[in-house]
Amino acid sequence: METNKMSLYKLLRTYFIISIGLFIYVFAWKAFLIPNGIVGGGATGLATVIYYLSGKLIPVQYGFFAINVVLVIIGFKVLGRSFGAKTIYGIAFTFSMLAALPEPEIITKSFIESDKLLCAIIGGIVSGAGIAISFTQGGSAGGTDIIAWIVNKYRDVTPGKIFLYSDLFIIGSSFFINWDFRTVVYGYVVMGVFSYSVDILLSGTKQSVQIFILSDKYDEIATKINQDLHRGVTALHATGWYSKEERRVLMIMARKYELSTLYQIIKSVDNEAFISVANVMGVFGKGFDPLKTKKKITKV
């Protein structure tokens, strides 16, 4: 029963964080990009192009929904039932927010025509932060993500390249909104800042540390770390060179954001424990990043 409650709590927490991330993403579009006629990448960017080319007759949310419905249908036919519930939820939530969230006039009226570049930079940072938050929980707003999955099934092309080519096409098409190359330039500024913002936030959540703990209560600390943090612990045999005593040293690999919880666990057991923490370049394996290698070319 307790396990079911924990699973439900984790599921609700995951969807709550995805919702927060996508809300921030939509807010950036509503506050900085759409009102200024700036087009970023993805389905939202293409929907913005349609919105302006239609003379504002087709709202962004409907264009976004129609694009994703078509992509989802194609995706189901090509990929089968490999779509996750999080992707479907992300599309539905983003559509709902685009429809329900009003334009924050207190922000839009604060910027004038000459502030477009500033809006592009802020919009890229904020939307990138929102998507990064969603990505940490496996969330997605659909769009070019689905295209990447479809293309990747038949061609050995990385998703990153597919995102880049798709966004270059979408942002390039924004030239036809007002036949002004500056619109395209603003769009590419959004794309660059957005990508950088996503990379910075995601790399921050993936940074790993190696911790060594010396304590007479090593068994209690190890057990508590297993139970509360759900991280593996390795007990290494060591000898104190001065005392010549046999001791155990605990070694833990964890994410950087888990450090505060780890410190609390150690302190609650042994306030005088000796702790050494070091950043590591990468950790691969269960619970961390998968080890990816390039395909070997077999010579005939």
C-alpha atoms as a PDB file:
ATOM      1  CA  MET A   1       0.000   0.000   0.000  1.00  0.00           C
ATOM      2  CA  GLU A   2       2.832   2.355   0.938  1.00  0.00           C
ATOM      3  CA  THR A   3       4.609   1.548  -2.341  1.00  0.00           C
ATOM      4  CA  ASN A   4       1.468   2.420  -4.336  1.00  0.00           C
ATOM      5  CA  LYS A   5       1.206   5.765  -2.532  1.00  0.00           C
ATOM      6  CA  MET A   6       4.852   6.557  -3.286  1.00  0.00           C
ATOM      7  CA  SER A   7       4.367   5.639  -6.965  1.00  0.00           C
ATOM      8  CA  LEU A   8       1.273   7.842  -7.193  1.00  0.00           C
ATOM      9  CA  TYR A   9       3.117  10.700  -5.503  1.00  0.00           C
ATOM     10  CA  LYS A  10       6.039  10.425  -7.955  1.00  0.00           C
ATOM     11  CA  LEU A  11       3.653  10.297 -10.921  1.00  0.00           C
ATOM     12  CA  LEU A  12       1.728  13.379  -9.761  1.00  0.00           C
ATOM     13  CA  ARG A  13       4.984  15.192  -8.995  1.00  0.00           C
ATOM     14  CA  THR A  14       6.308  14.384 -12.489  1.00  0.00           C
ATOM     15  CA  TYR A  15       3.220  15.736 -14.238  1.00  0.00           C
ATOM     16  CA  PHE A  16       3.150  18.788 -11.970  1.00  0.00           C
ATOM     17  CA  ILE A  17       6.740  19.693 -12.920  1.00  0.00           C
ATOM     18  CA  ILE A  18       5.988  19.091 -16.620  1.00  0.00           C
ATOM     19  CA  SER A  19       2.987  21.424 -16.293  1.00  0.00           C
ATOM     20  CA  ILE A  20       5.073  24.134 -14.613  1.00  0.00           C
ATOM     21  CA  GLY A  21       7.699  23.908 -17.359  1.00  0.00           C
ATOM     22  CA  LEU A  22       5.172  24.074 -20.196  1.00  0.00           C
ATOM     23  CA  PHE A  23       3.336  26.955 -18.497  1.00  0.00           C
ATOM     24  CA  ILE A  24       6.600  28.957 -18.446  1.00  0.00           C
ATOM     25  CA  TYR A  25       7.175  28.022 -22.094  1.00  0.00           C
ATOM     26  CA  VAL A  26       3.730  29.266 -23.162  1.00  0.00           C
ATOM     27  CA  PHE A  27       4.075  32.400 -21.025  1.00  0.00           C
ATOM     28  CA  ALA A  28       7.275  33.321 -22.909  1.00  0.00           C
ATOM     29  CA  TRP A  29       5.447  33.054 -26.233  1.00  0.00           C
ATOM     30  CA  LYS A  30       2.429  35.017 -25.015  1.00  0.00           C
ATOM     31  CA  ALA A  31       4.461  37.780 -23.372  1.00  0.00           C
ATOM     32  CA  PHE A  32       7.502  38.267 -25.609  1.00  0.00           C
ATOM     33  CA  LEU A  33       7.308  36.462 -28.943  1.00  0.00           C
ATOM     34  CA  ILE A  34       3.788  36.324 -30.423  1.00  0.00           C
ATOM     35  CA  PRO A  35       2.825  39.976 -29.637  1.00  0.00           C
ATOM     36  CA  ASN A  36       6.032  41.176 -31.347  1.00  0.00           C
ATOM     37  CA  GLY A  37       5.659  38.976 -34.415  1.00  0.00           C
ATOM     38  CA  ILE A  38       8.782  37.011 -33.511  1.00  0.00           C
ATOM     39  CA  VAL A  39       8.900  33.390 -34.662  1.00  0.00           C
ATOM     40  CA  GLY A  40      10.877  30.716 -32.832  1.00  0.00           C
ATOM     41  CA  GLY A  41      11.137  27.058 -33.716  1.00  0.00           C
ATOM     42  CA  GLY A  42       8.864  24.058 -33.255  1.00  0.00           C
ATOM     43  CA  ALA A  43       5.141  23.668 -33.777  1.00  0.00           C
ATOM     44  CA  THR A  44       4.445  26.869 -31.825  1.00  0.00           C
ATOM     45  CA  GLY A  45       6.700  28.795 -34.212  1.00  0.00           C
ATOM     46  CA  LEU A  46       4.973  27.356 -37.288  1.00  0.00           C
ATOM     47  CA  ALA A  47       1.580  28.113 -35.719  1.00  0.00           C
ATOM     48  CA  THR A  48       2.721  31.722 -35.201  1.00  0.00           C
ATOM     49  CA  VAL A  49       3.663  31.985 -38.901  1.00  0.00           C
ATOM     50  CA  ILE A  50       0.195  30.666 -39.842  1.00  0.00           C
ATOM     51  CA  TYR A  51      -1.408  33.146 -37.403  1.00  0.00           C
ATOM     52  CA  TYR A  52       0.196  36.167 -39.063  1.00  0.00           C
ATOM     53  CA  LEU A  53      -0.048  34.924 -42.670  1.00  0.00           C
ATOM     54  CA  SER A  54      -3.803  34.333 -42.153  1.00  0.00           C
ATOM     55  CA  GLY A  55      -4.218  37.927 -41.049  1.00  0.00           C
ATOM     56  CA  LYS A  56      -4.624  36.775 -37.420  1.00  0.00           C
ATOM     57  CA  LEU A  57      -7.721  34.742 -38.364  1.00  0.00           C
ATOM     58  CA  ILE A  58      -6.261  31.407 -37.191  1.00  0.00           C
ATOM     59  CA  PRO A  59      -5.215  31.704 -33.504  1.00  0.00           C
ATOM     60  CA  VAL A  60      -1.854  30.209 -32.540  1.00  0.00           C
ATOM     61  CA  GLN A  61      -3.430  27.562 -30.299  1.00  0.00           C
ATOM     62  CA  TYR A  62      -5.526  26.127 -33.154  1.00  0.00           C
ATOM     63  CA  GLY A  63      -2.605  26.075 -35.536  1.00  0.00           C
ATOM     64  CA  PHE A  64      -0.504  24.370 -32.848  1.00  0.00           C
ATOM     65  CA  PHE A  65      -3.224  21.789 -32.194  1.00  0.00           C
ATOM     66  CA  ALA A  66      -3.803  21.032 -35.904  1.00  0.00           C
ATOM     67  CA  ILE A  67      -0.067  20.589 -36.581  1.00  0.00           C
ATOM     68  CA  ASN A  68       0.357  18.200 -33.653  1.00  0.00           C
ATOM     69  CA  VAL A  69      -2.790  16.200 -34.490  1.00  0.00           C
ATOM     70  CA  VAL A  70      -1.424  15.569 -38.006  1.00  0.00           C
ATOM     71  CA  LEU A  71       2.012  14.643 -36.619  1.00  0.00           C
ATOM     72  CA  VAL A  72       0.533  12.338 -33.965  1.00  0.00           C
ATOM     73  CA  ILE A  73      -1.605  10.520 -36.565  1.00  0.00           C
ATOM     74  CA  ILE A  74       1.430  10.049 -38.836  1.00  0.00           C
ATOM     75  CA  GLY A  75       3.490   9.036 -35.809  1.00  0.00           C
ATOM     76  CA  PHE A  76       1.009   6.349 -34.783  1.00  0.00           C
ATOM     77  CA  LYS A  77       1.013   4.906 -38.294  1.00  0.00           C
ATOM     78  CA  VAL A  78       4.796   4.954 -38.613  1.00  0.00           C
ATOM     79  CA  LEU A  79       5.917   4.232 -35.057  1.00  0.00           C
ATOM     80  CA  GLY A  80       2.942   2.344 -33.664  1.00  0.00           C
ATOM     81  CA  ARG A  81       1.953   2.852 -30.041  1.00  0.00           C
ATOM     82  CA  SER A  82       5.324   4.131 -28.949  1.00  0.00           C
ATOM     83  CA  PHE A  83       4.026   7.548 -28.010  1.00  0.00           C
ATOM     84  CA  GLY A  84       4.214   8.139 -24.312  1.00  0.00           C
ATOM     85  CA  ALA A  85       1.374   9.555 -22.265  1.00  0.00           C
ATOM     86  CA  LYS A  86       3.652  12.468 -21.350  1.00  0.00           C
ATOM     87  CA  THR A  87       3.878  13.594 -24.982  1.00  0.00           C
ATOM     88  CA  ILE A  88       0.103  13.501 -25.451  1.00  0.00           C
ATOM     89  CA  TYR A  89      -0.363  15.295 -22.127  1.00  0.00           C
ATOM     90  CA  GLY A  90       2.249  17.905 -23.106  1.00  0.00           C
ATOM     91  CA  ILE A  91       0.470  18.673 -26.382  1.00  0.00           C
ATOM     92  CA  ALA A  92      -2.933  18.931 -24.665  1.00  0.00           C
ATOM     93  CA  PHE A  93      -1.600  21.096 -21.823  1.00  0.00           C
ATOM     94  CA  THR A  94       0.300  23.450 -24.160  1.00  0.00           C
ATOM     95  CA  PHE A  95      -2.794  23.855 -26.345  1.00  0.00           C
ATOM     96  CA  SER A  96      -4.926  24.602 -23.271  1.00  0.00           C
ATOM     97  CA  MET A  97      -2.464  27.207 -21.984  1.00  0.00           C
ATOM     98  CA  LEU A  98      -2.161  28.879 -25.402  1.00  0.00           C
ATOM     99  CA  ALA A  99      -5.962  29.146 -25.454  1.00  0.00           C
ATOM    100  CA  ALA A 100      -6.557  30.124 -21.828  1.00  0.00           C
ATOM    101  CA  LEU A 101      -3.566  32.280 -20.903  1.00  0.00           C
ATOM    102  CA  PRO A 102      -4.279  35.931 -21.738  1.00  0.00           C
ATOM    103  CA  GLU A 103      -1.657  38.224 -23.199  1.00  0.00           C
ATOM    104  CA  PRO A 104       0.056  39.901 -20.212  1.00  0.00           C
ATOM    105  CA  GLU A 105      -0.424  43.517 -21.283  1.00  0.00           C
ATOM    106  CA  ILE A 106       1.597  44.833 -18.363  1.00  0.00           C
ATOM    107  CA  ILE A 107       4.616  43.233 -20.086  1.00  0.00           C
ATOM    108  CA  THR A 108       3.738  43.711 -23.754  1.00  0.00           C
ATOM    109  CA  LYS A 109       3.009  47.414 -23.284  1.00  0.00           C
ATOM    110  CA  SER A 110       6.359  47.894 -21.568  1.00  0.00           C
ATOM    111  CA  PHE A 111       8.234  47.180 -24.801  1.00  0.00           C
ATOM    112  CA  ILE A 112       8.230  49.284 -27.931  1.00  0.00           C
ATOM    113  CA  GLU A 113       9.047  48.409 -31.550  1.00  0.00           C
ATOM    114  CA  SER A 114      12.765  49.064 -31.036  1.00  0.00           C
ATOM    115  CA  ASP A 115      12.834  46.518 -28.180  1.00  0.00           C
ATOM    116  CA  LYS A 116      12.249  43.500 -30.446  1.00  0.00           C
ATOM    117  CA  LEU A 117      15.779  42.210 -30.042  1.00  0.00           C
ATOM    118  CA  LEU A 118      15.440  42.370 -26.252  1.00  0.00           C
ATOM    119  CA  CYS A 119      12.101  40.530 -26.461  1.00  0.00           C
ATOM    120  CA  ALA A 120      13.696  37.870 -28.662  1.00  0.00           C
ATOM    121  CA  ILE A 121      16.481  37.311 -26.121  1.00  0.00           C
ATOM    122  CA  ILE A 122      14.164  37.234 -23.088  1.00  0.00           C
ATOM    123  CA  GLY A 123      11.631  35.063 -24.925  1.00  0.00           C
ATOM    124  CA  GLY A 124      14.355  32.589 -25.902  1.00  0.00           C
ATOM    125  CA  ILE A 125      15.720  32.375 -22.360  1.00  0.00           C
ATOM    126  CA  VAL A 126      12.324  31.956 -20.675  1.00  0.00           C
ATOM    127  CA  SER A 127      10.890  29.492 -23.217  1.00  0.00           C
ATOM    128  CA  GLY A 128      14.122  27.487 -23.123  1.00  0.00           C
ATOM    129  CA  ALA A 129      13.980  27.339 -19.338  1.00  0.00           C
ATOM    130  CA  GLY A 130      10.383  26.102 -19.465  1.00  0.00           C
ATOM    131  CA  ILE A 131      11.105  23.361 -21.987  1.00  0.00           C
ATOM    132  CA  ALA A 132      14.217  22.306 -20.040  1.00  0.00           C
ATOM    133  CA  ILE A 133      12.145  21.911 -16.869  1.00  0.00           C
ATOM    134  CA  SER A 134       9.677  19.764 -18.806  1.00  0.00           C
ATOM    135  CA  PHE A 135      12.497  17.720 -20.385  1.00  0.00           C
ATOM    136  CA  THR A 136      13.911  16.798 -16.960  1.00  0.00           C
ATOM    137  CA  GLN A 137      10.726  14.780 -16.357  1.00  0.00           C
ATOM    138  CA  GLY A 138      10.477  13.315 -19.859  1.00  0.00           C
ATOM    139  CA  GLY A 139       7.896  15.872 -20.948  1.00  0.00           C
ATOM    140  CA  SER A 140       7.471  17.320 -24.437  1.00  0.00           C
ATOM    141  CA  ALA A 141       5.304  19.794 -26.338  1.00  0.00           C
ATOM    142  CA  GLY A 142       5.256  17.545 -29.412  1.00  0.00           C
ATOM    143  CA  GLY A 143       5.953  19.226 -32.739  1.00  0.00           C
ATOM    144  CA  THR A 144       9.500  18.687 -34.032  1.00  0.00           C
ATOM    145  CA  ASP A 145      10.055  15.986 -31.378  1.00  0.00           C
ATOM    146  CA  ILE A 146       7.614  13.744 -33.263  1.00  0.00           C
ATOM    147  CA  ILE A 147       9.270  14.564 -36.602  1.00  0.00           C
ATOM    148  CA  ALA A 148      12.624  13.565 -35.091  1.00  0.00           C
ATOM    149  CA  TRP A 149      11.258  10.190 -33.949  1.00  0.00           C
ATOM    150  CA  ILE A 150       9.764   9.470 -37.387  1.00  0.00           C
ATOM    151  CA  VAL A 151      12.874  10.434 -39.378  1.00  0.00           C
ATOM    152  CA  ASN A 152      15.185   8.653 -36.946  1.00  0.00           C
ATOM    153  CA  LYS A 153      13.378   5.371 -37.595  1.00  0.00           C
ATOM    154  CA  TYR A 154      14.426   5.337 -41.251  1.00  0.00           C
ATOM    155  CA  ARG A 155      17.555   7.491 -41.343  1.00  0.00           C
ATOM    156  CA  ASP A 156      20.644   7.562 -39.154  1.00  0.00           C
ATOM    157  CA  VAL A 157      20.215  11.268 -38.402  1.00  0.00           C
ATOM    158  CA  THR A 158      20.559  12.649 -34.895  1.00  0.00           C
ATOM    159  CA  PRO A 159      17.498  14.360 -33.365  1.00  0.00           C
ATOM    160  CA  GLY A 160      19.586  17.511 -32.890  1.00  0.00           C
ATOM    161  CA  LYS A 161      20.104  17.870 -36.638  1.00  0.00           C
ATOM    162  CA  ILE A 162      16.421  17.307 -37.310  1.00  0.00           C
ATOM    163  CA  PHE A 163      15.487  20.012 -34.780  1.00  0.00           C
ATOM    164  CA  LEU A 164      18.004  22.369 -36.389  1.00  0.00           C
ATOM    165  CA  TYR A 165      16.802  21.797 -39.974  1.00  0.00           C
ATOM    166  CA  SER A 166      13.128  22.055 -38.948  1.00  0.00           C
ATOM    167  CA  ASP A 167      13.675  25.271 -37.017  1.00  0.00           C
ATOM    168  CA  LEU A 168      15.740  26.812 -39.822  1.00  0.00           C
ATOM    169  CA  PHE A 169      12.852  26.160 -42.234  1.00  0.00           C
ATOM    170  CA  ILE A 170      10.142  27.423 -39.837  1.00  0.00           C
ATOM    171  CA  ILE A 171      12.010  30.581 -38.862  1.00  0.00           C
ATOM    172  CA  GLY A 172      13.026  31.216 -42.468  1.00  0.00           C
ATOM    173  CA  SER A 173       9.361  31.143 -43.502  1.00  0.00           C
ATOM    174  CA  SER A 174       8.675  34.046 -41.110  1.00  0.00           C
ATOM    175  CA  PHE A 175      10.178  36.321 -43.802  1.00  0.00           C
ATOM    176  CA  PHE A 176       6.823  36.174 -45.605  1.00  0.00           C
ATOM    177  CA  ILE A 177       4.974  37.670 -42.625  1.00  0.00           C
ATOM    178  CA  ASN A 178       6.074  41.220 -43.434  1.00  0.00           C
ATOM    179  CA  TRP A 179       8.767  40.605 -46.085  1.00  0.00           C
ATOM    180  CA  ASP A 180      11.420  41.807 -43.658  1.00  0.00           C
ATOM    181  CA  PHE A 181      14.698  39.962 -43.077  1.00  0.00           C
ATOM    182  CA  ARG A 182      14.873  41.400 -39.556  1.00  0.00           C
ATOM    183  CA  THR A 183      12.012  39.087 -38.562  1.00  0.00           C
ATOM    184  CA  VAL A 184      14.131  36.101 -39.611  1.00  0.00           C
ATOM    185  CA  VAL A 185      17.142  37.438 -37.716  1.00  0.00           C
ATOM    186  CA  TYR A 186      15.066  37.862 -34.531  1.00  0.00           C
ATOM    187  CA  GLY A 187      13.855  34.281 -34.971  1.00  0.00           C
ATOM    188  CA  TYR A 188      17.400  32.954 -35.227  1.00  0.00           C
ATOM    189  CA  VAL A 189      18.316  34.921 -32.100  1.00  0.00           C
ATOM    190  CA  VAL A 190      15.446  33.167 -30.290  1.00  0.00           C
ATOM    191  CA  MET A 191      16.628  29.776 -31.601  1.00  0.00           C
ATOM    192  CA  GLY A 192      20.211  30.342 -30.433  1.00  0.00           C
ATOM    193  CA  VAL A 193      19.289  31.671 -26.995  1.00  0.00           C
ATOM    194  CA  PHE A 194      16.615  28.978 -26.568  1.00  0.00           C
ATOM    195  CA  SER A 195      19.094  26.172 -27.347  1.00  0.00           C
ATOM    196  CA  TYR A 196      21.734  27.620 -25.047  1.00  0.00           C
ATOM    197  CA  SER A 197      19.205  28.042 -22.221  1.00  0.00           C
ATOM    198  CA  VAL A 198      18.022  24.427 -22.580  1.00  0.00           C
ATOM    199  CA  ASP A 199      21.598  23.092 -22.649  1.00  0.00           C
ATOM    200  CA  ILE A 200      22.671  25.080 -19.572  1.00  0.00           C
ATOM    201  CA  LEU A 201      19.702  23.957 -17.479  1.00  0.00           C
ATOM    202  CA  LEU A 202      19.812  20.320 -18.579  1.00  0.00           C
ATOM    203  CA  SER A 203      23.558  20.008 -18.077  1.00  0.00           C
ATOM    204  CA  GLY A 204      23.093  21.484 -14.610  1.00  0.00           C
ATOM    205  CA  THR A 205      20.624  18.762 -13.632  1.00  0.00           C
ATOM    206  CA  LYS A 206      22.909  16.066 -15.074  1.00  0.00           C
ATOM    207  CA  GLN A 207      26.097  17.129 -13.336  1.00  0.00           C
ATOM    208  CA  SER A 208      27.351  14.310 -11.143  1.00  0.00           C
ATOM    209  CA  VAL A 209      29.540  14.142  -8.054  1.00  0.00           C
ATOM    210  CA  GLN A 210      31.586  11.472  -6.332  1.00  0.00           C
ATOM    211  CA  ILE A 211      31.355  11.394  -2.547  1.00  0.00           C
ATOM    212  CA  PHE A 212      33.618   9.601  -0.070  1.00  0.00           C
ATOM    213  CA  ILE A 213      32.401   9.268   3.527  1.00  0.00           C
ATOM    214  CA  LEU A 214      34.476   8.169   6.519  1.00  0.00           C
ATOM    215  CA  SER A 215      32.434   7.364   9.611  1.00  0.00           C
ATOM    216  CA  ASP A 216      32.261   4.751  12.360  1.00  0.00           C
ATOM    217  CA  LYS A 217      28.520   4.588  11.631  1.00  0.00           C
ATOM    218  CA  TYR A 218      29.044   3.762   7.968  1.00  0.00           C
ATOM    219  CA  ASP A 219      26.483   0.940   8.009  1.00  0.00           C
ATOM    220  CA  GLU A 220      23.685   3.231   9.259  1.00  0.00           C
ATOM    221  CA  ILE A 221      24.601   5.937   6.760  1.00  0.00           C
ATOM    222  CA  ALA A 222      24.721   3.476   3.848  1.00  0.00           C
ATOM    223  CA  THR A 223      21.360   1.967   4.766  1.00  0.00           C
ATOM    224  CA  LYS A 224      19.741   5.390   5.076  1.00  0.00           C
ATOM    225  CA  ILE A 225      21.150   6.557   1.726  1.00  0.00           C
ATOM    226  CA  ASN A 226      19.765   3.411   0.070  1.00  0.00           C
ATOM    227  CA  GLN A 227      16.337   3.882   1.612  1.00  0.00           C
ATOM    228  CA  ASP A 228      15.914   7.682   1.418  1.00  0.00           C
ATOM    229  CA  LEU A 229      17.946   8.698  -1.616  1.00  0.00           C
ATOM    230  CA  HIS A 230      17.659   5.420  -3.548  1.00  0.00           C
ATOM    231  CA  ARG A 231      21.309   5.576  -4.526  1.00  0.00           C
ATOM    232  CA  GLY A 232      23.792   2.715  -4.520  1.00  0.00           C
ATOM    233  CA  VAL A 233      26.602   2.757  -1.976  1.00  0.00           C
ATOM    234  CA  THR A 234      29.955   0.968  -2.228  1.00  0.00           C
ATOM    235  CA  ALA A 235      31.847   0.156   0.986  1.00  0.00           C
ATOM    236  CA  LEU A 236      35.588   0.176   0.336  1.00  0.00           C
ATOM    237  CA  HIS A 237      38.117  -1.472   2.664  1.00  0.00           C
ATOM    238  CA  ALA A 238      40.719   1.001   3.913  1.00  0.00           C
ATOM    239  CA  THR A 239      43.460   1.223   6.505  1.00  0.00           C
ATOM    240  CA  GLY A 240      44.206   4.309   8.560  1.00  0.00           C
ATOM    241  CA  TRP A 241      47.961   4.753   8.047  1.00  0.00           C
ATOM    242  CA  TYR A 242      48.491   6.551  11.338  1.00  0.00           C
ATOM    243  CA  SER A 243      46.211   4.387  13.509  1.00  0.00           C
ATOM    244  CA  LYS A 244      46.746   1.190  11.448  1.00  0.00           C
ATOM    245  CA  GLU A 245      43.048   0.473  11.955  1.00  0.00           C
ATOM    246  CA  GLU A 246      40.880  -1.246   9.383  1.00  0.00           C
ATOM    247  CA  ARG A 247      38.034   1.012   8.294  1.00  0.00           C
ATOM    248  CA  ARG A 248      35.285   1.243   5.706  1.00  0.00           C
ATOM    249  CA  VAL A 249      34.984   4.169   3.293  1.00  0.00           C
ATOM    250  CA  LEU A 250      31.645   4.733   1.585  1.00  0.00           C
ATOM    251  CA  MET A 251      31.668   5.807  -2.054  1.00  0.00           C
ATOM    252  CA  ILE A 252      28.516   7.229  -3.645  1.00  0.00           C
ATOM    253  CA  MET A 253      27.840   8.548  -7.133  1.00  0.00           C
ATOM    254  CA  ALA A 254      24.986  11.067  -7.193  1.00  0.00           C
ATOM    255  CA  ARG A 255      23.591  14.033  -9.047  1.00  0.00           C
ATOM    256  CA  LYS A 256      24.732  17.449  -7.871  1.00  0.00           C
ATOM    257  CA  TYR A 257      21.210  18.507  -6.911  1.00  0.00           C
ATOM    258  CA  GLU A 258      21.025  15.521  -4.526  1.00  0.00           C
ATOM    259  CA  LEU A 259      23.925  16.792  -2.411  1.00  0.00           C
ATOM    260  CA  SER A 260      21.822  18.757   0.094  1.00  0.00           C
ATOM    261  CA  THR A 261      19.662  15.684   0.795  1.00  0.00           C
ATOM    262  CA  LEU A 262      22.804  13.573   1.134  1.00  0.00           C
ATOM    263  CA  TYR A 263      24.322  16.009   3.633  1.00  0.00           C
ATOM    264  CA  GLN A 264      21.140  15.917   5.724  1.00  0.00           C
ATOM    265  CA  ILE A 265      21.197  12.117   5.791  1.00  0.00           C
ATOM    266  CA  ILE A 266      24.852  11.988   6.890  1.00  0.00           C
ATOM    267  CA  LYS A 267      24.372  14.708   9.512  1.00  0.00           C
ATOM    268  CA  SER A 268      21.328  12.964  10.980  1.00  0.00           C
ATOM    269  CA  VAL A 269      23.442   9.841  11.628  1.00  0.00           C
ATOM    270  CA  ASP A 270      26.933  11.176  12.338  1.00  0.00           C
ATOM    271  CA  ASN A 271      27.525  14.897  12.673  1.00  0.00           C
ATOM    272  CA  GLU A 272      31.308  14.337  12.765  1.00  0.00           C
ATOM    273  CA  ALA A 273      31.600  12.233   9.612  1.00  0.00           C
ATOM    274  CA  PHE A 274      34.434  13.145   7.232  1.00  0.00           C
ATOM    275  CA  ILE A 275      33.110  13.897   3.732  1.00  0.00           C
ATOM    276  CA  SER A 276      34.969  14.447   0.469  1.00  0.00           C
ATOM    277  CA  VAL A 277      33.091  15.658  -2.634  1.00  0.00           C
ATOM    278  CA  ALA A 278      34.461  15.906  -6.183  1.00  0.00           C
ATOM    279  CA  ASN A 279      32.897  16.771  -9.538  1.00  0.00           C
ATOM    280  CA  VAL A 280      33.161  14.079 -12.199  1.00  0.00           C
ATOM    281  CA  MET A 281      33.145  14.432 -15.980  1.00  0.00           C
ATOM    282  CA  GLY A 282      30.478  11.797 -16.503  1.00  0.00           C
ATOM    283  CA  VAL A 283      28.789   8.793 -14.936  1.00  0.00           C
ATOM    284  CA  PHE A 284      27.355   6.064 -17.148  1.00  0.00           C
ATOM    285  CA  GLY A 285      25.206   3.135 -16.157  1.00  0.00           C
ATOM    286  CA  LYS A 286      21.980   2.380 -14.334  1.00  0.00           C
ATOM    287  CA  GLY A 287      20.508   5.465 -12.712  1.00  0.00           C
ATOM    288  CA  PHE A 288      22.719   7.809 -14.729  1.00  0.00           C
ATOM    289  CA  ASP A 289      23.454   8.385 -18.422  1.00  0.00           C
ATOM    290  CA  PRO A 290      23.484   5.579 -21.021  1.00  0.00           C
ATOM    291  CA  LEU A 291      26.849   4.941 -22.633  1.00  0.00           C
ATOM    292  CA  LYS A 292      26.612   5.808 -26.315  1.00  0.00           C
ATOM    293  CA  THR A 293      29.244   4.892 -28.876  1.00  0.00           C
ATOM    294  CA  LYS A 294      29.489   5.471 -32.570  1.00  0.00           C
ATOM    295  CA  LYS A 295      28.552   2.579 -34.815  1.00  0.00           C
ATOM    296  CA  LYS A 296      31.519   0.625 -36.066  1.00  0.00           C
ATOM    297  CA  ILE A 297      32.004   0.546 -39.823  1.00  0.00           C
ATOM    298  CA  THR A 298      32.669  -2.980 -41.014  1.00  0.00           C
ATOM    299  CA  LYS A 299      35.122  -3.134 -43.898  1.00  0.00           C
ATOM    300  CA  VAL A 300      34.398  -5.682 -46.573  1.00  0.00           C
END
